[in-house]
Amino acid sequence: MSGRLVLVRHGQSFGNVEKRLDTRPPGAELTELGHEQARAFARDWKHPVGVVAHSVATRARQTAAGIGGHLDVAPHELDDIYEVQVGHLEDRNDDAAVEQFDSIYRRWQLGDLDASMPGGESGRQVLDRIVPVLTKLRIRHLDDHDWQDDIVVVSHGAAIRLVAAVLAGVDGRFALDHHLANTESVVLSPITDGRWSCVQWGELAPPFYADKLPEESVPDPMG
């Protein structure tokens, strides 16, 4: 199996610029920089791509359109891979809201998946809707030994970091300390018995060692 699953965070959106917790689809559109980031991702990607997919969010659809247009691969939409739903924190960018999001998300990455965003999802609910979608992609394509291409899935930063850490056994402390910039990706390679190996996280290659837990919120909480 040489094809890989490439989980790409969408390009810069207007919600990112405003540092808002923008999680409810369809959400904000891409900025002009976001569109250029999508095209640059496609220009710079070195492996053949056979599938480009995206979440229902506008920013993910637009990013996939930029990637697919350059690669001449028609994107298609996947249900259930949208961003972590933050409930009552939606559309806020004040320090208290970001700190509450960070606190609960940290609990997820450290193993407490049953903690819930206020009026929103638990970590377990996020995994329960996203993992089956990725498993179907794997069974349909990557588990076929004749399949050689990468599968590019445009999704969202917080969701990608949680799912990738769980699927590939990456230390949650590493995932907390290594956010994804817009159009950065996590690359998972399928290995035996349905397991995954993480072969790239942003600009980093394995081994993925945890540094320290972030002490302050980053400017973009969803990255």
Protein backbone atom coordinates (compact mmCIF):
# COMPACT_ATOMS: atom_id res chain seq x y z
CA MET A 1 0.00 0.00 0.00
CA SER A 2 1.72 3.18 -1.15
CA GLY A 3 -1.17 5.62 -1.18
CA ARG A 4 -1.61 7.84 1.88
CA LEU A 5 -4.33 9.84 3.60
CA VAL A 6 -3.50 13.56 3.58
CA LEU A 7 -5.59 15.55 6.05
CA VAL A 8 -5.30 19.19 4.99
CA ARG A 9 -6.45 22.15 7.01
CA HIS A 10 -8.40 24.61 4.84
CA GLY A 11 -6.91 27.91 3.66
CA GLN A 12 -7.20 31.14 5.60
CA SER A 13 -10.82 32.18 6.14
CA PHE A 14 -12.31 35.46 7.24
CA GLY A 15 -13.17 33.71 10.50
CA ASN A 16 -9.47 32.94 11.00
CA VAL A 17 -8.54 36.58 10.40
CA GLU A 18 -11.08 37.63 13.02
CA LYS A 19 -9.87 34.85 15.37
CA ARG A 20 -13.44 33.61 15.76
CA LEU A 21 -14.56 30.16 16.87
CA ASP A 22 -16.22 29.57 13.49
CA THR A 23 -17.31 25.93 13.53
CA ARG A 24 -20.94 25.69 12.40
CA PRO A 25 -21.25 24.99 8.65
CA PRO A 26 -21.29 26.61 6.20
CA GLY A 27 -19.15 29.19 7.97
CA ALA A 28 -16.89 31.90 6.57
CA GLU A 29 -15.40 32.02 3.09
CA LEU A 30 -11.71 32.04 2.22
CA THR A 31 -9.76 35.26 2.01
CA GLU A 32 -7.76 35.93 -1.15
CA LEU A 33 -4.72 34.64 0.73
CA GLY A 34 -6.69 31.48 1.52
CA HIS A 35 -7.38 30.89 -2.17
CA GLU A 36 -3.70 31.37 -2.98
CA GLN A 37 -2.71 28.98 -0.18
CA ALA A 38 -4.91 26.29 -1.75
CA ARG A 39 -3.30 26.76 -5.15
CA ALA A 40 0.17 26.79 -3.60
CA PHE A 41 -0.53 23.53 -1.78
CA ALA A 42 -1.43 21.86 -5.06
CA ARG A 43 1.61 23.29 -6.86
CA ASP A 44 3.97 22.11 -4.13
CA TRP A 45 2.55 18.63 -3.50
CA LYS A 46 5.02 16.02 -4.76
CA HIS A 47 2.92 12.84 -4.80
CA PRO A 48 0.18 11.74 -7.23
CA VAL A 49 -3.32 12.54 -5.96
CA GLY A 50 -6.26 10.35 -6.91
CA VAL A 51 -9.01 11.77 -4.69
CA VAL A 52 -9.73 15.26 -3.37
CA ALA A 53 -12.53 15.52 -0.82
CA HIS A 54 -13.76 18.19 1.56
CA SER A 55 -16.14 18.90 4.41
CA VAL A 56 -19.45 20.71 4.02
CA ALA A 57 -17.94 24.01 5.22
CA THR A 58 -17.53 26.75 2.62
CA ARG A 59 -13.84 27.30 3.44
CA ALA A 60 -13.09 23.59 2.95
CA ARG A 61 -15.06 23.41 -0.31
CA GLN A 62 -13.24 26.46 -1.69
CA THR A 63 -9.86 25.09 -0.64
CA ALA A 64 -10.59 21.74 -2.29
CA ALA A 65 -11.69 23.55 -5.45
CA GLY A 66 -8.33 25.33 -5.61
CA ILE A 67 -6.41 22.11 -5.02
CA GLY A 68 -8.50 19.98 -7.35
CA GLY A 69 -8.52 22.59 -10.09
CA HIS A 70 -4.74 22.66 -10.23
CA LEU A 71 -4.41 18.87 -10.04
CA ASP A 72 -7.27 18.23 -12.48
CA VAL A 73 -9.10 16.12 -9.90
CA ALA A 74 -12.78 16.92 -9.33
CA PRO A 75 -13.41 17.42 -5.58
CA HIS A 76 -16.33 15.81 -3.82
CA GLU A 77 -18.04 16.52 -0.52
CA LEU A 78 -18.01 14.22 2.49
CA ASP A 79 -20.49 14.43 5.33
CA ASP A 80 -19.41 14.37 8.97
CA ILE A 81 -15.82 15.66 8.66
CA TYR A 82 -16.63 19.25 9.63
CA GLU A 83 -14.92 21.07 12.49
CA VAL A 84 -15.39 20.38 16.21
CA GLN A 85 -18.74 21.93 17.16
CA VAL A 86 -18.23 24.42 19.98
CA GLY A 87 -21.91 25.04 20.80
CA HIS A 88 -22.45 28.14 22.92
CA LEU A 89 -18.92 29.38 22.11
CA GLU A 90 -19.77 29.69 18.40
CA ASP A 91 -18.71 32.90 16.67
CA ARG A 92 -16.94 34.28 19.75
CA ASN A 93 -13.36 35.52 19.82
CA ASP A 94 -13.09 36.86 23.36
CA ASP A 95 -10.39 35.52 25.66
CA ALA A 96 -12.84 33.73 27.95
CA ALA A 97 -14.37 31.73 25.09
CA VAL A 98 -11.00 30.79 23.60
CA GLU A 99 -9.68 29.77 27.00
CA GLN A 100 -12.74 27.56 27.59
CA PHE A 101 -12.33 25.93 24.20
CA ASP A 102 -8.61 25.36 24.82
CA SER A 103 -9.27 23.86 28.25
CA ILE A 104 -11.77 21.29 26.98
CA TYR A 105 -9.74 20.47 23.87
CA ARG A 106 -6.68 19.89 26.06
CA ARG A 107 -8.70 17.40 28.11
CA TRP A 108 -9.56 15.50 24.92
CA GLN A 109 -5.96 15.26 23.81
CA LEU A 110 -4.96 14.03 27.27
CA GLY A 111 -7.55 11.25 27.22
CA ASP A 112 -10.80 12.68 28.61
CA LEU A 113 -12.86 12.26 25.44
CA ASP A 114 -16.20 12.51 27.25
CA ALA A 115 -15.73 16.17 28.16
CA SER A 116 -18.04 18.36 26.07
CA MET A 117 -17.92 21.85 24.66
CA PRO A 118 -20.70 23.89 26.29
CA GLY A 119 -23.76 23.05 24.24
CA GLY A 120 -21.47 21.34 21.72
CA GLU A 121 -19.65 18.09 21.09
CA SER A 122 -17.52 15.78 23.16
CA GLY A 123 -14.25 14.47 21.81
CA ARG A 124 -15.80 11.03 21.50
CA GLN A 125 -18.63 12.42 19.36
CA VAL A 126 -16.11 14.08 17.05
CA LEU A 127 -14.26 10.79 16.60
CA ASP A 128 -17.46 8.80 16.17
CA ARG A 129 -18.54 10.87 13.16
CA ILE A 130 -15.15 11.40 11.45
CA VAL A 131 -13.33 8.09 11.87
CA PRO A 132 -15.92 5.98 9.98
CA VAL A 133 -15.68 8.34 6.98
CA LEU A 134 -11.89 7.97 6.86
CA THR A 135 -12.17 4.21 7.37
CA LYS A 136 -14.46 3.95 4.33
CA LEU A 137 -11.92 5.85 2.24
CA ARG A 138 -9.22 3.49 3.39
CA ILE A 139 -11.22 0.35 2.61
CA ARG A 140 -12.32 1.65 -0.78
CA HIS A 141 -8.92 2.89 -1.94
CA LEU A 142 -5.88 2.58 0.29
CA ASP A 143 -6.32 -1.08 1.22
CA ASP A 144 -6.20 -1.92 -2.49
CA HIS A 145 -2.57 -2.87 -3.19
CA ASP A 146 -2.90 -1.52 -6.73
CA TRP A 147 -3.85 1.94 -5.45
CA GLN A 148 -0.83 4.25 -5.64
CA ASP A 149 -2.23 7.76 -5.16
CA ASP A 150 -2.66 9.99 -2.15
CA ILE A 151 -6.14 10.88 -0.93
CA VAL A 152 -6.39 14.57 0.00
CA VAL A 153 -9.14 15.39 2.49
CA VAL A 154 -9.67 19.08 3.29
CA SER A 155 -10.97 19.41 6.82
CA HIS A 156 -10.32 21.53 9.91
CA GLY A 157 -7.47 22.08 12.34
CA ALA A 158 -8.85 21.01 15.70
CA ALA A 159 -10.64 18.00 14.21
CA ILE A 160 -7.57 16.89 12.24
CA ARG A 161 -5.25 17.09 15.23
CA LEU A 162 -7.59 15.06 17.44
CA VAL A 163 -8.38 12.39 14.86
CA ALA A 164 -4.80 12.02 13.65
CA ALA A 165 -3.41 11.73 17.17
CA VAL A 166 -5.92 9.01 18.07
CA LEU A 167 -5.66 7.04 14.83
CA ALA A 168 -1.87 7.05 14.67
CA GLY A 169 -1.10 6.93 18.38
CA VAL A 170 0.60 10.34 18.40
CA ASP A 171 1.10 11.74 21.91
CA GLY A 172 -1.74 14.15 22.64
CA ARG A 173 0.74 16.54 24.23
CA PHE A 174 2.53 16.78 20.89
CA ALA A 175 -0.77 17.48 19.12
CA LEU A 176 -1.56 20.23 21.60
CA ASP A 177 1.79 21.88 21.10
CA HIS A 178 1.87 21.65 17.30
CA HIS A 179 -0.99 23.50 15.66
CA LEU A 180 -1.55 23.39 11.91
CA ALA A 181 -1.29 26.56 9.89
CA ASN A 182 -3.72 27.06 7.02
CA THR A 183 -3.18 24.37 4.32
CA GLU A 184 -0.68 22.48 6.47
CA SER A 185 -1.40 18.77 6.61
CA VAL A 186 -1.05 15.59 8.59
CA VAL A 187 -0.15 12.58 6.46
CA LEU A 188 -1.22 9.10 7.60
CA SER A 189 0.03 5.92 5.98
CA PRO A 190 -2.06 2.74 6.33
CA ILE A 191 -0.27 -0.16 7.98
CA THR A 192 -1.34 -3.66 8.98
CA ASP A 193 -4.47 -4.58 10.93
CA GLY A 194 -6.30 -1.35 10.15
CA ARG A 195 -3.73 0.79 11.92
CA TRP A 196 -2.15 4.03 10.74
CA SER A 197 1.34 5.50 10.93
CA CYS A 198 1.79 9.28 10.99
CA VAL A 199 4.56 10.12 8.53
CA GLN A 200 4.23 13.92 8.50
CA TRP A 201 2.75 16.53 10.82
CA GLY A 202 2.90 19.99 9.30
CA GLU A 203 6.56 20.47 8.47
CA LEU A 204 7.69 17.80 10.93
CA ALA A 205 8.63 14.17 10.35
CA PRO A 206 8.63 11.41 12.99
CA PRO A 207 9.46 10.78 15.72
CA PHE A 208 6.93 13.15 17.24
CA TYR A 209 8.07 14.04 20.73
CA ALA A 210 5.94 16.10 23.07
CA ASP A 211 7.50 19.35 24.15
CA LYS A 212 5.44 21.13 26.77
CA LEU A 213 1.77 21.95 27.03
CA PRO A 214 1.03 25.42 25.64
CA GLU A 215 0.70 27.94 28.43
CA GLU A 216 -1.17 30.55 26.44
CA SER A 217 -3.75 30.47 23.70
CA VAL A 218 -2.36 30.73 20.19
CA PRO A 219 -3.73 33.53 17.96
CA ASP A 220 -5.78 31.04 15.93
CA PRO A 221 -7.48 28.64 18.36
CA MET A 222 -8.72 26.26 15.67
CA GLY A 223 -5.33 25.57 14.06
